[in-house]
Amino acid sequence: MNKIGFRHAIRGIFKAIQFERNMKIHMVAMLIVLFTGLILNLNAIEWVFILIAIAIVLIAELLNTSIEKITDQIFTGRHEHARNIKDISAGAVLVAAIFAAMIGIIIFLPKIINFF
């Protein structure tokens, strides 16, 4: 990726954070997870799983946002196909978030129990 492409990609991420409510929620959750990981002193393998889970959720949300924007351009008004497309792409984010939460529980719960 060249310098201009990188700049466009960064701008796209910031636009998603700026305008998409769910992206803001995911970013806050990411910050909480990262901060908690630092406090609980995760090891390298645990960090790898946490970072992969975070990346998958953020990627899914960015793709979902793109799919929704494209769908809005293709279909005007209420349309059953548009609704199905949006529901399916939102479902992908939900699956990613559920599995990320499961990874978080597996990694964080024993540490939190031992912390207290």
PDB file of N, CA and C in Angstrom:
ATOM      1  N   MET A   1       0.848  -1.167   0.000  1.00  0.00           N
ATOM      2  CA  MET A   1       0.000   0.000   0.000  1.00  0.00           C
ATOM      3  C   MET A   1       0.895   1.232   0.000  1.00  0.00           C
ATOM      4  N   ASN A   2       0.609   2.136  -0.922  1.00  0.00           N
ATOM      5  CA  ASN A   2       1.427   3.346  -0.979  1.00  0.00           C
ATOM      6  C   ASN A   2       0.950   4.370   0.049  1.00  0.00           C
ATOM      7  N   LYS A   3       1.673   5.467   0.125  1.00  0.00           N
ATOM      8  CA  LYS A   3       1.405   6.489   1.139  1.00  0.00           C
ATOM      9  C   LYS A   3      -0.012   7.053   1.020  1.00  0.00           C
ATOM     10  N   ILE A   4      -0.472   7.290  -0.198  1.00  0.00           N
ATOM     11  CA  ILE A   4      -1.807   7.848  -0.407  1.00  0.00           C
ATOM     12  C   ILE A   4      -2.874   6.827  -0.009  1.00  0.00           C
ATOM     13  N   GLY A   5      -2.672   5.568  -0.383  1.00  0.00           N
ATOM     14  CA  GLY A   5      -3.614   4.516  -0.003  1.00  0.00           C
ATOM     15  C   GLY A   5      -3.705   4.358   1.494  1.00  0.00           C
ATOM     16  N   PHE A   6      -2.574   4.445   2.159  1.00  0.00           N
ATOM     17  CA  PHE A   6      -2.537   4.346   3.623  1.00  0.00           C
ATOM     18  C   PHE A   6      -3.323   5.502   4.235  1.00  0.00           C
ATOM     19  N   ARG A   7      -3.130   6.699   3.703  1.00  0.00           N
ATOM     20  CA  ARG A   7      -3.841   7.878   4.197  1.00  0.00           C
ATOM     21  C   ARG A   7      -5.355   7.713   4.035  1.00  0.00           C
ATOM     22  N   HIS A   8      -5.790   7.176   2.887  1.00  0.00           N
ATOM     23  CA  HIS A   8      -7.215   6.938   2.656  1.00  0.00           C
ATOM     24  C   HIS A   8      -7.760   5.903   3.640  1.00  0.00           C
ATOM     25  N   ALA A   9      -6.981   4.866   3.885  1.00  0.00           N
ATOM     26  CA  ALA A   9      -7.417   3.819   4.811  1.00  0.00           C
ATOM     27  C   ALA A   9      -7.585   4.373   6.223  1.00  0.00           C
ATOM     28  N   ILE A  10      -6.633   5.156   6.678  1.00  0.00           N
ATOM     29  CA  ILE A  10      -6.721   5.774   8.004  1.00  0.00           C
ATOM     30  C   ILE A  10      -7.929   6.703   8.074  1.00  0.00           C
ATOM     31  N   ARG A  11      -8.131   7.484   7.003  1.00  0.00           N
ATOM     32  CA  ARG A  11      -9.280   8.384   6.965  1.00  0.00           C
ATOM     33  C   ARG A  11     -10.587   7.588   7.054  1.00  0.00           C
ATOM     34  N   GLY A  12     -10.643   6.449   6.374  1.00  0.00           N
ATOM     35  CA  GLY A  12     -11.832   5.610   6.431  1.00  0.00           C
ATOM     36  C   GLY A  12     -12.117   5.097   7.828  1.00  0.00           C
ATOM     37  N   ILE A  13     -11.074   4.687   8.531  1.00  0.00           N
ATOM     38  CA  ILE A  13     -11.244   4.214   9.915  1.00  0.00           C
ATOM     39  C   ILE A  13     -11.775   5.354  10.780  1.00  0.00           C
ATOM     40  N   PHE A  14     -11.196   6.535  10.652  1.00  0.00           N
ATOM     41  CA  PHE A  14     -11.647   7.667  11.458  1.00  0.00           C
ATOM     42  C   PHE A  14     -13.062   8.103  11.094  1.00  0.00           C
ATOM     43  N   LYS A  15     -13.441   8.016   9.821  1.00  0.00           N
ATOM     44  CA  LYS A  15     -14.819   8.332   9.425  1.00  0.00           C
ATOM     45  C   LYS A  15     -15.791   7.345  10.063  1.00  0.00           C
ATOM     46  N   ALA A  16     -15.426   6.069  10.077  1.00  0.00           N
ATOM     47  CA  ALA A  16     -16.289   5.070  10.701  1.00  0.00           C
ATOM     48  C   ALA A  16     -16.442   5.351  12.193  1.00  0.00           C
ATOM     49  N   ILE A  17     -15.352   5.701  12.855  1.00  0.00           N
ATOM     50  CA  ILE A  17     -15.420   6.026  14.285  1.00  0.00           C
ATOM     51  C   ILE A  17     -16.266   7.279  14.505  1.00  0.00           C
ATOM     52  N   GLN A  18     -16.107   8.254  13.639  1.00  0.00           N
ATOM     53  CA  GLN A  18     -16.807   9.524  13.784  1.00  0.00           C
ATOM     54  C   GLN A  18     -18.316   9.389  13.575  1.00  0.00           C
ATOM     55  N   PHE A  19     -18.730   8.591  12.594  1.00  0.00           N
ATOM     56  CA  PHE A  19     -20.136   8.579  12.196  1.00  0.00           C
ATOM     57  C   PHE A  19     -20.914   7.326  12.581  1.00  0.00           C
ATOM     58  N   GLU A  20     -20.246   6.267  12.959  1.00  0.00           N
ATOM     59  CA  GLU A  20     -20.942   5.008  13.228  1.00  0.00           C
ATOM     60  C   GLU A  20     -20.975   4.716  14.722  1.00  0.00           C
ATOM     61  N   ARG A  21     -22.166   4.672  15.293  1.00  0.00           N
ATOM     62  CA  ARG A  21     -22.346   4.435  16.721  1.00  0.00           C
ATOM     63  C   ARG A  21     -21.717   3.125  17.169  1.00  0.00           C
ATOM     64  N   ASN A  22     -21.946   2.061  16.409  1.00  0.00           N
ATOM     65  CA  ASN A  22     -21.406   0.755  16.806  1.00  0.00           C
ATOM     66  C   ASN A  22     -19.883   0.734  16.778  1.00  0.00           C
ATOM     67  N   MET A  23     -19.283   1.471  15.864  1.00  0.00           N
ATOM     68  CA  MET A  23     -17.822   1.536  15.820  1.00  0.00           C
ATOM     69  C   MET A  23     -17.295   2.231  17.066  1.00  0.00           C
ATOM     70  N   LYS A  24     -17.996   3.253  17.521  1.00  0.00           N
ATOM     71  CA  LYS A  24     -17.606   3.928  18.762  1.00  0.00           C
ATOM     72  C   LYS A  24     -17.681   2.955  19.936  1.00  0.00           C
ATOM     73  N   ILE A  25     -18.746   2.163  19.973  1.00  0.00           N
ATOM     74  CA  ILE A  25     -18.907   1.176  21.041  1.00  0.00           C
ATOM     75  C   ILE A  25     -17.762   0.170  21.004  1.00  0.00           C
ATOM     76  N   HIS A  26     -17.423  -0.315  19.821  1.00  0.00           N
ATOM     77  CA  HIS A  26     -16.321  -1.277  19.687  1.00  0.00           C
ATOM     78  C   HIS A  26     -14.988  -0.660  20.109  1.00  0.00           C
ATOM     79  N   MET A  27     -14.784   0.601  19.798  1.00  0.00           N
ATOM     80  CA  MET A  27     -13.528   1.264  20.182  1.00  0.00           C
ATOM     81  C   MET A  27     -13.431   1.419  21.697  1.00  0.00           C
ATOM     82  N   VAL A  28     -14.526   1.766  22.341  1.00  0.00           N
ATOM     83  CA  VAL A  28     -14.531   1.876  23.804  1.00  0.00           C
ATOM     84  C   VAL A  28     -14.264   0.510  24.424  1.00  0.00           C
ATOM     85  N   ALA A  29     -14.935  -0.515  23.895  1.00  0.00           N
ATOM     86  CA  ALA A  29     -14.714  -1.878  24.399  1.00  0.00           C
ATOM     87  C   ALA A  29     -13.256  -2.282  24.216  1.00  0.00           C
ATOM     88  N   MET A  30     -12.675  -1.944  23.075  1.00  0.00           N
ATOM     89  CA  MET A  30     -11.271  -2.265  22.821  1.00  0.00           C
ATOM     90  C   MET A  30     -10.364  -1.605  23.857  1.00  0.00           C
ATOM     91  N   LEU A  31     -10.605  -0.333  24.133  1.00  0.00           N
ATOM     92  CA  LEU A  31      -9.778   0.374  25.113  1.00  0.00           C
ATOM     93  C   LEU A  31      -9.909  -0.246  26.502  1.00  0.00           C
ATOM     94  N   ILE A  32     -11.121  -0.615  26.869  1.00  0.00           N
ATOM     95  CA  ILE A  32     -11.333  -1.270  28.167  1.00  0.00           C
ATOM     96  C   ILE A  32     -10.587  -2.594  28.230  1.00  0.00           C
ATOM     97  N   VAL A  33     -10.666  -3.389  27.159  1.00  0.00           N
ATOM     98  CA  VAL A  33      -9.980  -4.687  27.113  1.00  0.00           C
ATOM     99  C   VAL A  33      -8.473  -4.496  27.177  1.00  0.00           C
ATOM    100  N   LEU A  34      -7.947  -3.551  26.409  1.00  0.00           N
ATOM    101  CA  LEU A  34      -6.501  -3.320  26.420  1.00  0.00           C
ATOM    102  C   LEU A  34      -6.027  -2.858  27.799  1.00  0.00           C
ATOM    103  N   PHE A  35      -6.753  -1.954  28.412  1.00  0.00           N
ATOM    104  CA  PHE A  35      -6.400  -1.466  29.745  1.00  0.00           C
ATOM    105  C   PHE A  35      -6.464  -2.607  30.768  1.00  0.00           C
ATOM    106  N   THR A  36      -7.522  -3.406  30.684  1.00  0.00           N
ATOM    107  CA  THR A  36      -7.665  -4.545  31.597  1.00  0.00           C
ATOM    108  C   THR A  36      -6.532  -5.545  31.396  1.00  0.00           C
ATOM    109  N   GLY A  37      -6.158  -5.789  30.146  1.00  0.00           N
ATOM    110  CA  GLY A  37      -5.042  -6.688  29.864  1.00  0.00           C
ATOM    111  C   GLY A  37      -3.744  -6.208  30.466  1.00  0.00           C
ATOM    112  N   LEU A  38      -3.522  -4.896  30.435  1.00  0.00           N
ATOM    113  CA  LEU A  38      -2.311  -4.344  31.051  1.00  0.00           C
ATOM    114  C   LEU A  38      -2.344  -4.520  32.566  1.00  0.00           C
ATOM    115  N   ILE A  39      -3.489  -4.248  33.173  1.00  0.00           N
ATOM    116  CA  ILE A  39      -3.609  -4.380  34.631  1.00  0.00           C
ATOM    117  C   ILE A  39      -3.424  -5.835  35.064  1.00  0.00           C
ATOM    118  N   LEU A  40      -3.990  -6.752  34.292  1.00  0.00           N
ATOM    119  CA  LEU A  40      -3.919  -8.171  34.667  1.00  0.00           C
ATOM    120  C   LEU A  40      -2.653  -8.859  34.161  1.00  0.00           C
ATOM    121  N   ASN A  41      -1.787  -8.089  33.505  1.00  0.00           N
ATOM    122  CA  ASN A  41      -0.483  -8.589  33.067  1.00  0.00           C
ATOM    123  C   ASN A  41      -0.596  -9.849  32.203  1.00  0.00           C
ATOM    124  N   LEU A  42      -1.298  -9.723  31.080  1.00  0.00           N
ATOM    125  CA  LEU A  42      -1.440 -10.857  30.170  1.00  0.00           C
ATOM    126  C   LEU A  42      -0.082 -11.281  29.629  1.00  0.00           C
ATOM    127  N   ASN A  43       0.056 -12.570  29.364  1.00  0.00           N
ATOM    128  CA  ASN A  43       1.292 -13.049  28.740  1.00  0.00           C
ATOM    129  C   ASN A  43       1.187 -12.890  27.225  1.00  0.00           C
ATOM    130  N   ALA A  44       2.247 -13.197  26.515  1.00  0.00           N
ATOM    131  CA  ALA A  44       2.306 -12.957  25.070  1.00  0.00           C
ATOM    132  C   ALA A  44       1.228 -13.723  24.310  1.00  0.00           C
ATOM    133  N   ILE A  45       1.013 -14.974  24.652  1.00  0.00           N
ATOM    134  CA  ILE A  45       0.012 -15.784  23.949  1.00  0.00           C
ATOM    135  C   ILE A  45      -1.389 -15.219  24.196  1.00  0.00           C
ATOM    136  N   GLU A  46      -1.670 -14.814  25.426  1.00  0.00           N
ATOM    137  CA  GLU A  46      -2.973 -14.222  25.732  1.00  0.00           C
ATOM    138  C   GLU A  46      -3.181 -12.932  24.942  1.00  0.00           C
ATOM    139  N   TRP A  47      -2.118 -12.114  24.851  1.00  0.00           N
ATOM    140  CA  TRP A  47      -2.211 -10.883  24.068  1.00  0.00           C
ATOM    141  C   TRP A  47      -2.506 -11.182  22.597  1.00  0.00           C
ATOM    142  N   VAL A  48      -1.876 -12.217  22.064  1.00  0.00           N
ATOM    143  CA  VAL A  48      -2.105 -12.568  20.662  1.00  0.00           C
ATOM    144  C   VAL A  48      -3.579 -12.870  20.433  1.00  0.00           C
ATOM    145  N   PHE A  49      -4.176 -13.688  21.288  1.00  0.00           N
ATOM    146  CA  PHE A  49      -5.585 -14.034  21.129  1.00  0.00           C
ATOM    147  C   PHE A  49      -6.485 -12.811  21.303  1.00  0.00           C
ATOM    148  N   ILE A  50      -6.196 -11.977  22.275  1.00  0.00           N
ATOM    149  CA  ILE A  50      -6.992 -10.769  22.503  1.00  0.00           C
ATOM    150  C   ILE A  50      -6.893  -9.832  21.298  1.00  0.00           C
ATOM    151  N   LEU A  51      -5.672  -9.620  20.792  1.00  0.00           N
ATOM    152  CA  LEU A  51      -5.493  -8.710  19.660  1.00  0.00           C
ATOM    153  C   LEU A  51      -6.139  -9.248  18.392  1.00  0.00           C
ATOM    154  N   ILE A  52      -6.066 -10.552  18.172  1.00  0.00           N
ATOM    155  CA  ILE A  52      -6.746 -11.149  17.008  1.00  0.00           C
ATOM    156  C   ILE A  52      -8.251 -10.975  17.140  1.00  0.00           C
ATOM    157  N   ALA A  53      -8.792 -11.211  18.326  1.00  0.00           N
ATOM    158  CA  ALA A  53     -10.231 -11.052  18.541  1.00  0.00           C
ATOM    159  C   ALA A  53     -10.661  -9.606  18.295  1.00  0.00           C
ATOM    160  N   ILE A  54      -9.894  -8.661  18.815  1.00  0.00           N
ATOM    161  CA  ILE A  54     -10.201  -7.246  18.596  1.00  0.00           C
ATOM    162  C   ILE A  54     -10.164  -6.926  17.107  1.00  0.00           C
ATOM    163  N   ALA A  55      -9.127  -7.366  16.428  1.00  0.00           N
ATOM    164  CA  ALA A  55      -8.987  -7.079  14.997  1.00  0.00           C
ATOM    165  C   ALA A  55     -10.157  -7.645  14.200  1.00  0.00           C
ATOM    166  N   ILE A  56     -10.557  -8.860  14.504  1.00  0.00           N
ATOM    167  CA  ILE A  56     -11.663  -9.480  13.764  1.00  0.00           C
ATOM    168  C   ILE A  56     -12.955  -8.696  13.961  1.00  0.00           C
ATOM    169  N   VAL A  57     -13.221  -8.266  15.184  1.00  0.00           N
ATOM    170  CA  VAL A  57     -14.444  -7.488  15.441  1.00  0.00           C
ATOM    171  C   VAL A  57     -14.392  -6.154  14.702  1.00  0.00           C
ATOM    172  N   LEU A  58     -13.263  -5.452  14.769  1.00  0.00           N
ATOM    173  CA  LEU A  58     -13.160  -4.156  14.094  1.00  0.00           C
ATOM    174  C   LEU A  58     -13.246  -4.304  12.580  1.00  0.00           C
ATOM    175  N   ILE A  59     -12.610  -5.328  12.039  1.00  0.00           N
ATOM    176  CA  ILE A  59     -12.686  -5.586  10.603  1.00  0.00           C
ATOM    177  C   ILE A  59     -14.120  -5.887  10.201  1.00  0.00           C
ATOM    178  N   ALA A  60     -14.791  -6.732  10.978  1.00  0.00           N
ATOM    179  CA  ALA A  60     -16.185  -7.069  10.683  1.00  0.00           C
ATOM    180  C   ALA A  60     -17.062  -5.818  10.711  1.00  0.00           C
ATOM    181  N   GLU A  61     -16.849  -4.954  11.694  1.00  0.00           N
ATOM    182  CA  GLU A  61     -17.657  -3.729  11.786  1.00  0.00           C
ATOM    183  C   GLU A  61     -17.377  -2.791  10.618  1.00  0.00           C
ATOM    184  N   LEU A  62     -16.114  -2.652  10.225  1.00  0.00           N
ATOM    185  CA  LEU A  62     -15.791  -1.811   9.065  1.00  0.00           C
ATOM    186  C   LEU A  62     -16.410  -2.368   7.790  1.00  0.00           C
ATOM    187  N   LEU A  63     -16.339  -3.679   7.599  1.00  0.00           N
ATOM    188  CA  LEU A  63     -16.959  -4.288   6.416  1.00  0.00           C
ATOM    189  C   LEU A  63     -18.475  -4.148   6.459  1.00  0.00           C
ATOM    190  N   ASN A  64     -19.069  -4.333   7.632  1.00  0.00           N
ATOM    191  CA  ASN A  64     -20.512  -4.171   7.782  1.00  0.00           C
ATOM    192  C   ASN A  64     -20.926  -2.751   7.413  1.00  0.00           C
ATOM    193  N   THR A  65     -20.182  -1.776   7.890  1.00  0.00           N
ATOM    194  CA  THR A  65     -20.483  -0.382   7.575  1.00  0.00           C
ATOM    195  C   THR A  65     -20.405  -0.145   6.076  1.00  0.00           C
ATOM    196  N   SER A  66     -19.373  -0.688   5.444  1.00  0.00           N
ATOM    197  CA  SER A  66     -19.227  -0.533   3.989  1.00  0.00           C
ATOM    198  C   SER A  66     -20.382  -1.186   3.245  1.00  0.00           C
ATOM    199  N   ILE A  67     -20.739  -2.383   3.660  1.00  0.00           N
ATOM    200  CA  ILE A  67     -21.854  -3.092   3.010  1.00  0.00           C
ATOM    201  C   ILE A  67     -23.152  -2.317   3.168  1.00  0.00           C
ATOM    202  N   GLU A  68     -23.383  -1.761   4.351  1.00  0.00           N
ATOM    203  CA  GLU A  68     -24.596  -0.974   4.569  1.00  0.00           C
ATOM    204  C   GLU A  68     -24.615   0.273   3.681  1.00  0.00           C
ATOM    205  N   LYS A  69     -23.476   0.949   3.564  1.00  0.00           N
ATOM    206  CA  LYS A  69     -23.405   2.155   2.725  1.00  0.00           C
ATOM    207  C   LYS A  69     -23.647   1.809   1.255  1.00  0.00           C
ATOM    208  N   ILE A  70     -23.042   0.732   0.788  1.00  0.00           N
ATOM    209  CA  ILE A  70     -23.243   0.302  -0.602  1.00  0.00           C
ATOM    210  C   ILE A  70     -24.698  -0.086  -0.819  1.00  0.00           C
ATOM    211  N   THR A  71     -25.265  -0.821   0.109  1.00  0.00           N
ATOM    212  CA  THR A  71     -26.665  -1.247   0.002  1.00  0.00           C
ATOM    213  C   THR A  71     -27.588  -0.044  -0.074  1.00  0.00           C
ATOM    214  N   ASP A  72     -27.327   0.975   0.747  1.00  0.00           N
ATOM    215  CA  ASP A  72     -28.147   2.191   0.706  1.00  0.00           C
ATOM    216  C   ASP A  72     -28.069   2.882  -0.652  1.00  0.00           C
ATOM    217  N   GLN A  73     -26.918   2.788  -1.316  1.00  0.00           N
ATOM    218  CA  GLN A  73     -26.767   3.404  -2.638  1.00  0.00           C
ATOM    219  C   GLN A  73     -27.480   2.602  -3.738  1.00  0.00           C
ATOM    220  N   ILE A  74     -27.493   1.287  -3.580  1.00  0.00           N
ATOM    221  CA  ILE A  74     -28.102   0.427  -4.601  1.00  0.00           C
ATOM    222  C   ILE A  74     -29.622   0.410  -4.491  1.00  0.00           C
ATOM    223  N   PHE A  75     -30.120   0.315  -3.266  1.00  0.00           N
ATOM    224  CA  PHE A  75     -31.561   0.202  -3.040  1.00  0.00           C
ATOM    225  C   PHE A  75     -32.085   1.498  -2.432  1.00  0.00           C
ATOM    226  N   THR A  76     -33.055   2.110  -3.096  1.00  0.00           N
ATOM    227  CA  THR A  76     -33.674   3.304  -2.536  1.00  0.00           C
ATOM    228  C   THR A  76     -34.966   2.901  -1.833  1.00  0.00           C
ATOM    229  N   GLY A  77     -35.222   3.523  -0.713  1.00  0.00           N
ATOM    230  CA  GLY A  77     -36.427   3.193   0.033  1.00  0.00           C
ATOM    231  C   GLY A  77     -36.301   1.851   0.736  1.00  0.00           C
ATOM    232  N   ARG A  78     -37.443   1.364   1.208  1.00  0.00           N
ATOM    233  CA  ARG A  78     -37.461   0.081   1.909  1.00  0.00           C
ATOM    234  C   ARG A  78     -37.485  -1.039   0.881  1.00  0.00           C
ATOM    235  N   HIS A  79     -36.596  -1.997   1.058  1.00  0.00           N
ATOM    236  CA  HIS A  79     -36.495  -3.098   0.105  1.00  0.00           C
ATOM    237  C   HIS A  79     -36.095  -4.353   0.864  1.00  0.00           C
ATOM    238  N   GLU A  80     -36.785  -5.444   0.605  1.00  0.00           N
ATOM    239  CA  GLU A  80     -36.535  -6.703   1.311  1.00  0.00           C
ATOM    240  C   GLU A  80     -35.108  -7.200   1.106  1.00  0.00           C
ATOM    241  N   HIS A  81     -34.573  -7.097  -0.107  1.00  0.00           N
ATOM    242  CA  HIS A  81     -33.196  -7.542  -0.362  1.00  0.00           C
ATOM    243  C   HIS A  81     -32.192  -6.702   0.428  1.00  0.00           C
ATOM    244  N   ALA A  82     -32.441  -5.399   0.484  1.00  0.00           N
ATOM    245  CA  ALA A  82     -31.547  -4.514   1.243  1.00  0.00           C
ATOM    246  C   ALA A  82     -31.561  -4.901   2.716  1.00  0.00           C
ATOM    247  N   ARG A  83     -32.746  -5.162   3.243  1.00  0.00           N
ATOM    248  CA  ARG A  83     -32.857  -5.560   4.648  1.00  0.00           C
ATOM    249  C   ARG A  83     -32.104  -6.858   4.905  1.00  0.00           C
ATOM    250  N   ASN A  84     -32.245  -7.827   4.019  1.00  0.00           N
ATOM    251  CA  ASN A  84     -31.546  -9.105   4.185  1.00  0.00           C
ATOM    252  C   ASN A  84     -30.031  -8.924   4.134  1.00  0.00           C
ATOM    253  N   ILE A  85     -29.553  -8.125   3.203  1.00  0.00           N
ATOM    254  CA  ILE A  85     -28.113  -7.866   3.085  1.00  0.00           C
ATOM    255  C   ILE A  85     -27.582  -7.247   4.371  1.00  0.00           C
ATOM    256  N   LYS A  86     -28.284  -6.231   4.867  1.00  0.00           N
ATOM    257  CA  LYS A  86     -27.846  -5.551   6.088  1.00  0.00           C
ATOM    258  C   LYS A  86     -27.913  -6.475   7.300  1.00  0.00           C
ATOM    259  N   ASP A  87     -28.963  -7.290   7.378  1.00  0.00           N
ATOM    260  CA  ASP A  87     -29.091  -8.229   8.500  1.00  0.00           C
ATOM    261  C   ASP A  87     -27.961  -9.261   8.493  1.00  0.00           C
ATOM    262  N   ILE A  88     -27.626  -9.748   7.324  1.00  0.00           N
ATOM    263  CA  ILE A  88     -26.559 -10.756   7.218  1.00  0.00           C
ATOM    264  C   ILE A  88     -25.212 -10.151   7.595  1.00  0.00           C
ATOM    265  N   SER A  89     -24.919  -8.948   7.113  1.00  0.00           N
ATOM    266  CA  SER A  89     -23.624  -8.339   7.450  1.00  0.00           C
ATOM    267  C   SER A  89     -23.569  -7.966   8.931  1.00  0.00           C
ATOM    268  N   ALA A  90     -24.694  -7.547   9.500  1.00  0.00           N
ATOM    269  CA  ALA A  90     -24.729  -7.284  10.937  1.00  0.00           C
ATOM    270  C   ALA A  90     -24.554  -8.582  11.719  1.00  0.00           C
ATOM    271  N   GLY A  91     -25.090  -9.675  11.184  1.00  0.00           N
ATOM    272  CA  GLY A  91     -24.912 -10.979  11.815  1.00  0.00           C
ATOM    273  C   GLY A  91     -23.449 -11.383  11.883  1.00  0.00           C
ATOM    274  N   ALA A  92     -22.693 -11.036  10.857  1.00  0.00           N
ATOM    275  CA  ALA A  92     -21.256 -11.344  10.860  1.00  0.00           C
ATOM    276  C   ALA A  92     -20.555 -10.618  12.012  1.00  0.00           C
ATOM    277  N   VAL A  93     -20.938  -9.368  12.246  1.00  0.00           N
ATOM    278  CA  VAL A  93     -20.349  -8.611  13.357  1.00  0.00           C
ATOM    279  C   VAL A  93     -20.740  -9.256  14.683  1.00  0.00           C
ATOM    280  N   LEU A  94     -21.998  -9.673  14.789  1.00  0.00           N
ATOM    281  CA  LEU A  94     -22.466 -10.306  16.019  1.00  0.00           C
ATOM    282  C   LEU A  94     -21.694 -11.586  16.314  1.00  0.00           C
ATOM    283  N   VAL A  95     -21.485 -12.409  15.297  1.00  0.00           N
ATOM    284  CA  VAL A  95     -20.705 -13.645  15.476  1.00  0.00           C
ATOM    285  C   VAL A  95     -19.291 -13.311  15.947  1.00  0.00           C
ATOM    286  N   ALA A  96     -18.652 -12.332  15.305  1.00  0.00           N
ATOM    287  CA  ALA A  96     -17.300 -11.934  15.700  1.00  0.00           C
ATOM    288  C   ALA A  96     -17.278 -11.436  17.143  1.00  0.00           C
ATOM    289  N   ALA A  97     -18.268 -10.624  17.516  1.00  0.00           N
ATOM    290  CA  ALA A  97     -18.311 -10.076  18.867  1.00  0.00           C
ATOM    291  C   ALA A  97     -18.557 -11.157  19.915  1.00  0.00           C
ATOM    292  N   ILE A  98     -19.424 -12.115  19.604  1.00  0.00           N
ATOM    293  CA  ILE A  98     -19.694 -13.208  20.544  1.00  0.00           C
ATOM    294  C   ILE A  98     -18.441 -14.036  20.780  1.00  0.00           C
ATOM    295  N   PHE A  99     -17.746 -14.393  19.705  1.00  0.00           N
ATOM    296  CA  PHE A  99     -16.532 -15.188  19.871  1.00  0.00           C
ATOM    297  C   PHE A  99     -15.415 -14.397  20.544  1.00  0.00           C
ATOM    298  N   ALA A 100     -15.347 -13.096  20.273  1.00  0.00           N
ATOM    299  CA  ALA A 100     -14.369 -12.250  20.964  1.00  0.00           C
ATOM    300  C   ALA A 100     -14.681 -12.202  22.461  1.00  0.00           C
ATOM    301  N   ALA A 101     -15.961 -12.104  22.792  1.00  0.00           N
ATOM    302  CA  ALA A 101     -16.349 -12.107  24.210  1.00  0.00           C
ATOM    303  C   ALA A 101     -15.996 -13.440  24.862  1.00  0.00           C
ATOM    304  N   MET A 102     -16.192 -14.528  24.147  1.00  0.00           N
ATOM    305  CA  MET A 102     -15.837 -15.843  24.692  1.00  0.00           C
ATOM    306  C   MET A 102     -14.340 -15.943  24.942  1.00  0.00           C
ATOM    307  N   ILE A 103     -13.542 -15.439  24.013  1.00  0.00           N
ATOM    308  CA  ILE A 103     -12.087 -15.417  24.199  1.00  0.00           C
ATOM    309  C   ILE A 103     -11.733 -14.570  25.414  1.00  0.00           C
ATOM    310  N   GLY A 104     -12.380 -13.407  25.527  1.00  0.00           N
ATOM    311  CA  GLY A 104     -12.140 -12.539  26.675  1.00  0.00           C
ATOM    312  C   GLY A 104     -12.483 -13.215  27.988  1.00  0.00           C
ATOM    313  N   ILE A 105     -13.595 -13.911  28.030  1.00  0.00           N
ATOM    314  CA  ILE A 105     -13.990 -14.618  29.254  1.00  0.00           C
ATOM    315  C   ILE A 105     -12.979 -15.700  29.596  1.00  0.00           C
ATOM    316  N   ILE A 106     -12.575 -16.461  28.607  1.00  0.00           N
ATOM    317  CA  ILE A 106     -11.604 -17.544  28.844  1.00  0.00           C
ATOM    318  C   ILE A 106     -10.293 -16.990  29.391  1.00  0.00           C
ATOM    319  N   ILE A 107      -9.855 -15.869  28.868  1.00  0.00           N
ATOM    320  CA  ILE A 107      -8.569 -15.299  29.286  1.00  0.00           C
ATOM    321  C   ILE A 107      -8.690 -14.478  30.567  1.00  0.00           C
ATOM    322  N   PHE A 108      -9.712 -13.632  30.645  1.00  0.00           N
ATOM    323  CA  PHE A 108      -9.796 -12.688  31.760  1.00  0.00           C
ATOM    324  C   PHE A 108     -10.414 -13.260  33.029  1.00  0.00           C
ATOM    325  N   LEU A 109     -11.401 -14.112  32.914  1.00  0.00           N
ATOM    326  CA  LEU A 109     -12.118 -14.562  34.111  1.00  0.00           C
ATOM    327  C   LEU A 109     -11.214 -15.208  35.157  1.00  0.00           C
ATOM    328  N   PRO A 110     -10.359 -16.167  34.781  1.00  0.00           N
ATOM    329  CA  PRO A 110      -9.477 -16.740  35.815  1.00  0.00           C
ATOM    330  C   PRO A 110      -8.550 -15.699  36.441  1.00  0.00           C
ATOM    331  N   LYS A 111      -8.075 -14.750  35.639  1.00  0.00           N
ATOM    332  CA  LYS A 111      -7.182 -13.714  36.156  1.00  0.00           C
ATOM    333  C   LYS A 111      -7.925 -12.771  37.100  1.00  0.00           C
ATOM    334  N   ILE A 112      -9.162 -12.445  36.747  1.00  0.00           N
ATOM    335  CA  ILE A 112      -9.955 -11.555  37.602  1.00  0.00           C
ATOM    336  C   ILE A 112     -10.269 -12.256  38.919  1.00  0.00           C
ATOM    337  N   ILE A 113     -10.629 -13.542  38.844  1.00  0.00           N
ATOM    338  CA  ILE A 113     -10.911 -14.317  40.072  1.00  0.00           C
ATOM    339  C   ILE A 113      -9.670 -14.342  40.953  1.00  0.00           C
ATOM    340  N   ASN A 114      -8.507 -14.569  40.388  1.00  0.00           N
ATOM    341  CA  ASN A 114      -7.258 -14.617  41.174  1.00  0.00           C
ATOM    342  C   ASN A 114      -6.819 -13.236  41.648  1.00  0.00           C
ATOM    343  N   PHE A 115      -7.244 -12.195  40.923  1.00  0.00           N
ATOM    344  CA  PHE A 115      -6.883 -10.820  41.265  1.00  0.00           C
ATOM    345  C   PHE A 115      -7.525 -10.411  42.590  1.00  0.00           C
ATOM    346  N   PHE A 116      -8.740 -10.897  42.827  1.00  0.00           N
ATOM    347  CA  PHE A 116      -9.476 -10.534  44.046  1.00  0.00           C
ATOM    348  C   PHE A 116      -9.368 -11.626  45.028  1.00  0.00           C
TER     349      PHE A 116
END
